[in-house]
Amino acid sequence: GQLPSLLATEPPYPRCCRSLDSKTTADLIRNYLALLRRHSASAVLVTDKMPGNYQHLGLIRLLFPQAPVIHCRREPLDVCLSIFFQQFANGHDYAYDLMDIGHCYLQYARLMAHWRRVLPGPFLEIQYQGLVENQETSSRALIHFCSLEWDDACLAFHQHQRDIRTSSNWQVRQPVYTSSVRRWQHYEKQLRPLIELFRAATVEL
């Protein structure tokens, strides 16, 4: 999510991506890696799971062509409901109105459809429901995709004693649970306008 902020070129991002030269690209990679080292100077692997990364996959693939990209797909209504229930500190002005969230989701879906068509390199899509219903199978597929060796600790992530600074920190402290699957059905009446919006969508959700 921080990559575009490191670009100070003309024309502004994202149009500047068409004309990035090798020096600018090398500087951008070096500055981004320096940012990562501030979080951990010794880490061999880093997972950047910022939600807004989907907007910058073109730049990410340009800079890191072999970096595995993992797209976790989930029932759209569950996604929107989860966003609506979350109190964000800042930077998510769309998150306080269900229809705003719905329209934002449609734009995300359209952009992801575009990236699937045009991006080269390793790209994996996993289903959230499949992950929670069969954690080991999905986790093994993900680890294999990243060319890593399997470790049984992957199934006990909630036991790791590490600093967590995201809005989902309390969820990371517990095992995989299924209560969020089809949660939207408890609010079907309130979600009716959103349901109709998605039914009329012309993009795969």
C-alpha atoms as a PDB file:
ATOM      1  CA  GLY A   1       0.000   0.000   0.000  1.00  0.00           C
ATOM      2  CA  GLN A   2       2.992   2.312   0.509  1.00  0.00           C
ATOM      3  CA  LEU A   3       4.609   1.833  -2.895  1.00  0.00           C
ATOM      4  CA  PRO A   4       2.761   4.636  -4.749  1.00  0.00           C
ATOM      5  CA  SER A   5       3.691   7.126  -2.008  1.00  0.00           C
ATOM      6  CA  LEU A   6       7.355   6.536  -2.852  1.00  0.00           C
ATOM      7  CA  LEU A   7       6.830   7.744  -6.417  1.00  0.00           C
ATOM      8  CA  ALA A   8       7.506  11.419  -7.021  1.00  0.00           C
ATOM      9  CA  THR A   9       7.371  11.442 -10.797  1.00  0.00           C
ATOM     10  CA  GLU A  10       5.553  13.252 -13.563  1.00  0.00           C
ATOM     11  CA  PRO A  11       2.999  12.459 -14.783  1.00  0.00           C
ATOM     12  CA  PRO A  12       1.505  11.419 -11.430  1.00  0.00           C
ATOM     13  CA  TYR A  13       0.800   7.827 -10.457  1.00  0.00           C
ATOM     14  CA  PRO A  14      -0.501   5.630 -12.030  1.00  0.00           C
ATOM     15  CA  ARG A  15       0.135   7.199 -15.443  1.00  0.00           C
ATOM     16  CA  CYS A  16       3.844   7.471 -14.698  1.00  0.00           C
ATOM     17  CA  CYS A  17       4.110   3.643 -14.698  1.00  0.00           C
ATOM     18  CA  ARG A  18       4.114   3.694 -18.500  1.00  0.00           C
ATOM     19  CA  SER A  19       7.425   5.565 -18.570  1.00  0.00           C
ATOM     20  CA  LEU A  20       9.377   4.432 -15.496  1.00  0.00           C
ATOM     21  CA  ASP A  21      13.066   4.084 -16.340  1.00  0.00           C
ATOM     22  CA  SER A  22      15.442   1.539 -14.840  1.00  0.00           C
ATOM     23  CA  LYS A  23      16.948   3.986 -12.325  1.00  0.00           C
ATOM     24  CA  THR A  24      13.575   5.109 -11.008  1.00  0.00           C
ATOM     25  CA  THR A  25      12.463   1.488 -10.752  1.00  0.00           C
ATOM     26  CA  ALA A  26      15.633   0.472  -8.893  1.00  0.00           C
ATOM     27  CA  ASP A  27      15.276   3.419  -6.503  1.00  0.00           C
ATOM     28  CA  LEU A  28      11.655   2.528  -5.823  1.00  0.00           C
ATOM     29  CA  ILE A  29      12.525  -1.091  -5.046  1.00  0.00           C
ATOM     30  CA  ARG A  30      15.373  -0.041  -2.760  1.00  0.00           C
ATOM     31  CA  ASN A  31      13.224   2.482  -0.865  1.00  0.00           C
ATOM     32  CA  TYR A  32      10.394  -0.008  -0.413  1.00  0.00           C
ATOM     33  CA  LEU A  33      12.768  -2.689   0.909  1.00  0.00           C
ATOM     34  CA  ALA A  34      14.201  -0.099   3.300  1.00  0.00           C
ATOM     35  CA  LEU A  35      10.680   0.495   4.622  1.00  0.00           C
ATOM     36  CA  LEU A  36      10.251  -3.219   5.187  1.00  0.00           C
ATOM     37  CA  ARG A  37      13.542  -3.432   7.058  1.00  0.00           C
ATOM     38  CA  ARG A  38      12.230  -0.890   9.540  1.00  0.00           C
ATOM     39  CA  HIS A  39       9.673  -3.495  10.569  1.00  0.00           C
ATOM     40  CA  SER A  40      12.203  -6.327  10.686  1.00  0.00           C
ATOM     41  CA  ALA A  41      15.855  -6.181   9.765  1.00  0.00           C
ATOM     42  CA  SER A  42      16.204  -9.960   9.740  1.00  0.00           C
ATOM     43  CA  ALA A  43      13.042 -11.160   7.976  1.00  0.00           C
ATOM     44  CA  VAL A  44      13.673 -13.334   4.932  1.00  0.00           C
ATOM     45  CA  LEU A  45      10.043 -13.277   3.777  1.00  0.00           C
ATOM     46  CA  VAL A  46       7.432 -10.541   4.114  1.00  0.00           C
ATOM     47  CA  THR A  47       3.678 -10.648   3.576  1.00  0.00           C
ATOM     48  CA  ASP A  48       2.106  -7.311   2.681  1.00  0.00           C
ATOM     49  CA  LYS A  49      -1.616  -7.768   3.318  1.00  0.00           C
ATOM     50  CA  MET A  50      -2.808  -4.179   3.080  1.00  0.00           C
ATOM     51  CA  PRO A  51      -6.398  -4.246   1.733  1.00  0.00           C
ATOM     52  CA  GLY A  52      -5.690  -1.554  -0.839  1.00  0.00           C
ATOM     53  CA  ASN A  53      -2.967  -3.569  -2.555  1.00  0.00           C
ATOM     54  CA  TYR A  54      -5.450  -4.674  -5.223  1.00  0.00           C
ATOM     55  CA  GLN A  55      -5.346  -1.143  -6.628  1.00  0.00           C
ATOM     56  CA  HIS A  56      -1.597  -1.336  -7.206  1.00  0.00           C
ATOM     57  CA  LEU A  57      -1.069  -4.850  -8.557  1.00  0.00           C
ATOM     58  CA  GLY A  58       0.211  -3.467 -11.850  1.00  0.00           C
ATOM     59  CA  LEU A  59       2.996  -1.564 -10.089  1.00  0.00           C
ATOM     60  CA  ILE A  60       3.674  -4.463  -7.710  1.00  0.00           C
ATOM     61  CA  ARG A  61       4.078  -6.888 -10.615  1.00  0.00           C
ATOM     62  CA  LEU A  62       6.263  -4.409 -12.477  1.00  0.00           C
ATOM     63  CA  LEU A  63       8.668  -4.093  -9.541  1.00  0.00           C
ATOM     64  CA  PHE A  64       8.492  -7.651  -8.202  1.00  0.00           C
ATOM     65  CA  PRO A  65       7.601  -9.862 -11.188  1.00  0.00           C
ATOM     66  CA  GLN A  66       8.141 -13.134  -9.306  1.00  0.00           C
ATOM     67  CA  ALA A  67       6.425 -12.161  -6.053  1.00  0.00           C
ATOM     68  CA  PRO A  68       3.492 -14.511  -5.357  1.00  0.00           C
ATOM     69  CA  VAL A  69       0.187 -12.619  -5.346  1.00  0.00           C
ATOM     70  CA  ILE A  70      -2.601 -14.209  -3.307  1.00  0.00           C
ATOM     71  CA  HIS A  71      -6.192 -13.074  -3.735  1.00  0.00           C
ATOM     72  CA  CYS A  72      -8.603 -14.344  -1.093  1.00  0.00           C
ATOM     73  CA  ARG A  73     -12.173 -14.210  -2.376  1.00  0.00           C
ATOM     74  CA  ARG A  74     -15.201 -14.183  -0.099  1.00  0.00           C
ATOM     75  CA  GLU A  75     -18.976 -13.864  -0.339  1.00  0.00           C
ATOM     76  CA  PRO A  76     -19.440 -10.184  -1.317  1.00  0.00           C
ATOM     77  CA  LEU A  77     -22.224  -9.523   1.181  1.00  0.00           C
ATOM     78  CA  ASP A  78     -20.103 -10.919   4.004  1.00  0.00           C
ATOM     79  CA  VAL A  79     -17.231  -8.671   2.928  1.00  0.00           C
ATOM     80  CA  CYS A  80     -19.418  -5.572   2.901  1.00  0.00           C
ATOM     81  CA  LEU A  81     -21.011  -6.413   6.235  1.00  0.00           C
ATOM     82  CA  SER A  82     -17.606  -6.969   7.825  1.00  0.00           C
ATOM     83  CA  ILE A  83     -16.411  -3.573   6.583  1.00  0.00           C
ATOM     84  CA  PHE A  84     -19.584  -1.891   7.835  1.00  0.00           C
ATOM     85  CA  PHE A  85     -19.151  -3.336  11.325  1.00  0.00           C
ATOM     86  CA  GLN A  86     -15.518  -2.260  11.571  1.00  0.00           C
ATOM     87  CA  GLN A  87     -14.620   1.092  13.106  1.00  0.00           C
ATOM     88  CA  PHE A  88     -11.678   2.309  11.053  1.00  0.00           C
ATOM     89  CA  ALA A  89      -9.428   5.004  12.456  1.00  0.00           C
ATOM     90  CA  ASN A  90      -9.086   6.860   9.144  1.00  0.00           C
ATOM     91  CA  GLY A  91      -8.675   6.491   5.402  1.00  0.00           C
ATOM     92  CA  HIS A  92     -11.876   4.533   4.738  1.00  0.00           C
ATOM     93  CA  ASP A  93     -14.570   7.168   4.297  1.00  0.00           C
ATOM     94  CA  TYR A  94     -16.678   4.786   2.186  1.00  0.00           C
ATOM     95  CA  ALA A  95     -16.984   2.326   5.094  1.00  0.00           C
ATOM     96  CA  TYR A  96     -19.865   3.984   6.948  1.00  0.00           C
ATOM     97  CA  ASP A  97     -22.636   3.544   4.405  1.00  0.00           C
ATOM     98  CA  LEU A  98     -23.652   0.137   3.050  1.00  0.00           C
ATOM     99  CA  MET A  99     -24.332   1.377  -0.464  1.00  0.00           C
ATOM    100  CA  ASP A 100     -21.025   3.240  -0.587  1.00  0.00           C
ATOM    101  CA  ILE A 101     -19.339   0.011   0.456  1.00  0.00           C
ATOM    102  CA  GLY A 102     -21.271  -1.881  -2.212  1.00  0.00           C
ATOM    103  CA  HIS A 103     -20.241   0.490  -5.007  1.00  0.00           C
ATOM    104  CA  CYS A 104     -16.633   0.345  -3.793  1.00  0.00           C
ATOM    105  CA  TYR A 105     -16.816  -3.453  -3.874  1.00  0.00           C
ATOM    106  CA  LEU A 106     -18.034  -3.398  -7.474  1.00  0.00           C
ATOM    107  CA  GLN A 107     -15.071  -1.244  -8.493  1.00  0.00           C
ATOM    108  CA  TYR A 108     -12.725  -3.632  -6.693  1.00  0.00           C
ATOM    109  CA  ALA A 109     -14.302  -6.585  -8.540  1.00  0.00           C
ATOM    110  CA  ARG A 110     -13.933  -4.823 -11.909  1.00  0.00           C
ATOM    111  CA  LEU A 111     -10.286  -4.008 -11.255  1.00  0.00           C
ATOM    112  CA  MET A 112      -9.504  -7.569 -10.149  1.00  0.00           C
ATOM    113  CA  ALA A 113     -11.115  -8.881 -13.338  1.00  0.00           C
ATOM    114  CA  HIS A 114      -8.782  -6.588 -15.281  1.00  0.00           C
ATOM    115  CA  TRP A 115      -5.678  -7.781 -13.405  1.00  0.00           C
ATOM    116  CA  ARG A 116      -6.598 -11.421 -14.059  1.00  0.00           C
ATOM    117  CA  ARG A 117      -6.646 -10.684 -17.784  1.00  0.00           C
ATOM    118  CA  VAL A 118      -3.429  -8.697 -18.108  1.00  0.00           C
ATOM    119  CA  LEU A 119      -0.997  -9.596 -15.328  1.00  0.00           C
ATOM    120  CA  PRO A 120       1.730 -12.180 -15.858  1.00  0.00           C
ATOM    121  CA  GLY A 121       3.486 -13.989 -13.026  1.00  0.00           C
ATOM    122  CA  PRO A 122       2.324 -16.141 -10.095  1.00  0.00           C
ATOM    123  CA  PHE A 123      -1.246 -15.445  -9.006  1.00  0.00           C
ATOM    124  CA  LEU A 124      -3.362 -17.593  -6.673  1.00  0.00           C
ATOM    125  CA  GLU A 125      -7.024 -17.204  -5.821  1.00  0.00           C
ATOM    126  CA  ILE A 126      -8.361 -18.966  -2.756  1.00  0.00           C
ATOM    127  CA  GLN A 127     -11.884 -19.048  -1.380  1.00  0.00           C
ATOM    128  CA  TYR A 128     -12.422 -17.862   2.187  1.00  0.00           C
ATOM    129  CA  GLN A 129     -15.151 -20.438   2.768  1.00  0.00           C
ATOM    130  CA  GLY A 130     -12.898 -23.254   1.582  1.00  0.00           C
ATOM    131  CA  LEU A 131     -10.149 -22.009   3.868  1.00  0.00           C
ATOM    132  CA  VAL A 132     -12.279 -22.016   7.012  1.00  0.00           C
ATOM    133  CA  GLU A 133     -13.964 -25.318   6.179  1.00  0.00           C
ATOM    134  CA  ASN A 134     -10.753 -27.137   5.283  1.00  0.00           C
ATOM    135  CA  GLN A 135      -7.905 -25.116   6.714  1.00  0.00           C
ATOM    136  CA  GLU A 136      -5.124 -27.607   6.128  1.00  0.00           C
ATOM    137  CA  THR A 137      -5.883 -28.291   2.462  1.00  0.00           C
ATOM    138  CA  SER A 138      -6.119 -24.592   1.619  1.00  0.00           C
ATOM    139  CA  SER A 139      -3.077 -23.727   3.710  1.00  0.00           C
ATOM    140  CA  ARG A 140      -0.952 -26.430   2.097  1.00  0.00           C
ATOM    141  CA  ALA A 141      -1.962 -25.174  -1.366  1.00  0.00           C
ATOM    142  CA  LEU A 142      -0.995 -21.646  -0.386  1.00  0.00           C
ATOM    143  CA  ILE A 143       2.381 -22.677   1.056  1.00  0.00           C
ATOM    144  CA  HIS A 144       3.111 -24.774  -2.040  1.00  0.00           C
ATOM    145  CA  PHE A 145       2.210 -21.855  -4.294  1.00  0.00           C
ATOM    146  CA  CYS A 146       4.764 -19.719  -2.446  1.00  0.00           C
ATOM    147  CA  SER A 147       7.438 -22.438  -2.943  1.00  0.00           C
ATOM    148  CA  LEU A 148       7.848 -22.813   0.813  1.00  0.00           C
ATOM    149  CA  GLU A 149       8.239 -25.900   2.963  1.00  0.00           C
ATOM    150  CA  TRP A 150       5.225 -26.930   5.002  1.00  0.00           C
ATOM    151  CA  ASP A 151       5.312 -26.320   8.762  1.00  0.00           C
ATOM    152  CA  ASP A 152       2.564 -27.594  11.066  1.00  0.00           C
ATOM    153  CA  ALA A 153       2.752 -24.240  12.847  1.00  0.00           C
ATOM    154  CA  CYS A 154       0.760 -22.851   9.923  1.00  0.00           C
ATOM    155  CA  LEU A 155      -2.295 -24.502  11.480  1.00  0.00           C
ATOM    156  CA  ALA A 156      -1.610 -22.960  14.893  1.00  0.00           C
ATOM    157  CA  PHE A 157      -1.011 -19.333  13.864  1.00  0.00           C
ATOM    158  CA  HIS A 158      -3.158 -18.120  16.773  1.00  0.00           C
ATOM    159  CA  GLN A 159      -0.569 -19.432  19.249  1.00  0.00           C
ATOM    160  CA  HIS A 160       2.235 -17.238  17.923  1.00  0.00           C
ATOM    161  CA  GLN A 161       3.314 -14.547  20.363  1.00  0.00           C
ATOM    162  CA  ARG A 162       3.999 -11.655  18.061  1.00  0.00           C
ATOM    163  CA  ASP A 163       2.998  -8.027  17.791  1.00  0.00           C
ATOM    164  CA  ILE A 164      -0.166  -7.495  15.691  1.00  0.00           C
ATOM    165  CA  ARG A 165      -1.134  -3.984  14.662  1.00  0.00           C
ATOM    166  CA  THR A 166      -4.143  -4.437  12.399  1.00  0.00           C
ATOM    167  CA  SER A 167      -7.859  -3.971  12.983  1.00  0.00           C
ATOM    168  CA  SER A 168      -8.241  -7.769  12.919  1.00  0.00           C
ATOM    169  CA  ASN A 169      -5.776  -8.320  15.774  1.00  0.00           C
ATOM    170  CA  TRP A 170      -8.306 -10.059  18.026  1.00  0.00           C
ATOM    171  CA  GLN A 171      -9.227 -12.477  15.220  1.00  0.00           C
ATOM    172  CA  VAL A 172      -5.604 -13.482  14.704  1.00  0.00           C
ATOM    173  CA  ARG A 173      -5.468 -14.580  18.344  1.00  0.00           C
ATOM    174  CA  GLN A 174      -8.030 -17.343  17.867  1.00  0.00           C
ATOM    175  CA  PRO A 175      -8.279 -20.451  15.672  1.00  0.00           C
ATOM    176  CA  VAL A 176     -10.034 -20.426  12.320  1.00  0.00           C
ATOM    177  CA  TYR A 177     -13.783 -20.130  12.862  1.00  0.00           C
ATOM    178  CA  THR A 178     -16.801 -20.514  10.585  1.00  0.00           C
ATOM    179  CA  SER A 179     -19.260 -18.103  12.217  1.00  0.00           C
ATOM    180  CA  SER A 180     -18.498 -15.371   9.648  1.00  0.00           C
ATOM    181  CA  VAL A 181     -19.476 -17.570   6.691  1.00  0.00           C
ATOM    182  CA  ARG A 182     -22.877 -16.429   5.351  1.00  0.00           C
ATOM    183  CA  ARG A 183     -23.194 -14.041   8.264  1.00  0.00           C
ATOM    184  CA  TRP A 184     -25.059 -11.692   5.951  1.00  0.00           C
ATOM    185  CA  GLN A 185     -28.132 -13.937   6.118  1.00  0.00           C
ATOM    186  CA  HIS A 186     -28.830 -12.654   9.647  1.00  0.00           C
ATOM    187  CA  TYR A 187     -29.248  -9.173   8.157  1.00  0.00           C
ATOM    188  CA  GLU A 188     -30.968  -9.996   4.878  1.00  0.00           C
ATOM    189  CA  LYS A 189     -33.726  -7.420   5.354  1.00  0.00           C
ATOM    190  CA  GLN A 190     -31.280  -4.593   6.057  1.00  0.00           C
ATOM    191  CA  LEU A 191     -29.067  -5.667   3.165  1.00  0.00           C
ATOM    192  CA  ARG A 192     -31.847  -5.782   0.562  1.00  0.00           C
ATOM    193  CA  PRO A 193     -30.642  -2.685  -1.393  1.00  0.00           C
ATOM    194  CA  LEU A 194     -27.121  -4.134  -1.475  1.00  0.00           C
ATOM    195  CA  ILE A 195     -28.421  -7.506  -2.631  1.00  0.00           C
ATOM    196  CA  GLU A 196     -30.252  -5.828  -5.506  1.00  0.00           C
ATOM    197  CA  LEU A 197     -27.140  -3.834  -6.410  1.00  0.00           C
ATOM    198  CA  PHE A 198     -25.085  -7.002  -6.696  1.00  0.00           C
ATOM    199  CA  ARG A 199     -27.777  -8.849  -8.650  1.00  0.00           C
ATOM    200  CA  ALA A 200     -27.610  -6.135 -11.295  1.00  0.00           C
ATOM    201  CA  ALA A 201     -23.799  -6.225 -11.465  1.00  0.00           C
ATOM    202  CA  THR A 202     -22.224  -7.013 -14.822  1.00  0.00           C
ATOM    203  CA  VAL A 203     -18.906  -8.173 -13.330  1.00  0.00           C
ATOM    204  CA  GLU A 204     -18.113 -11.488 -11.674  1.00  0.00           C
ATOM    205  CA  LEU A 205     -18.329 -11.117  -7.912  1.00  0.00           C
END
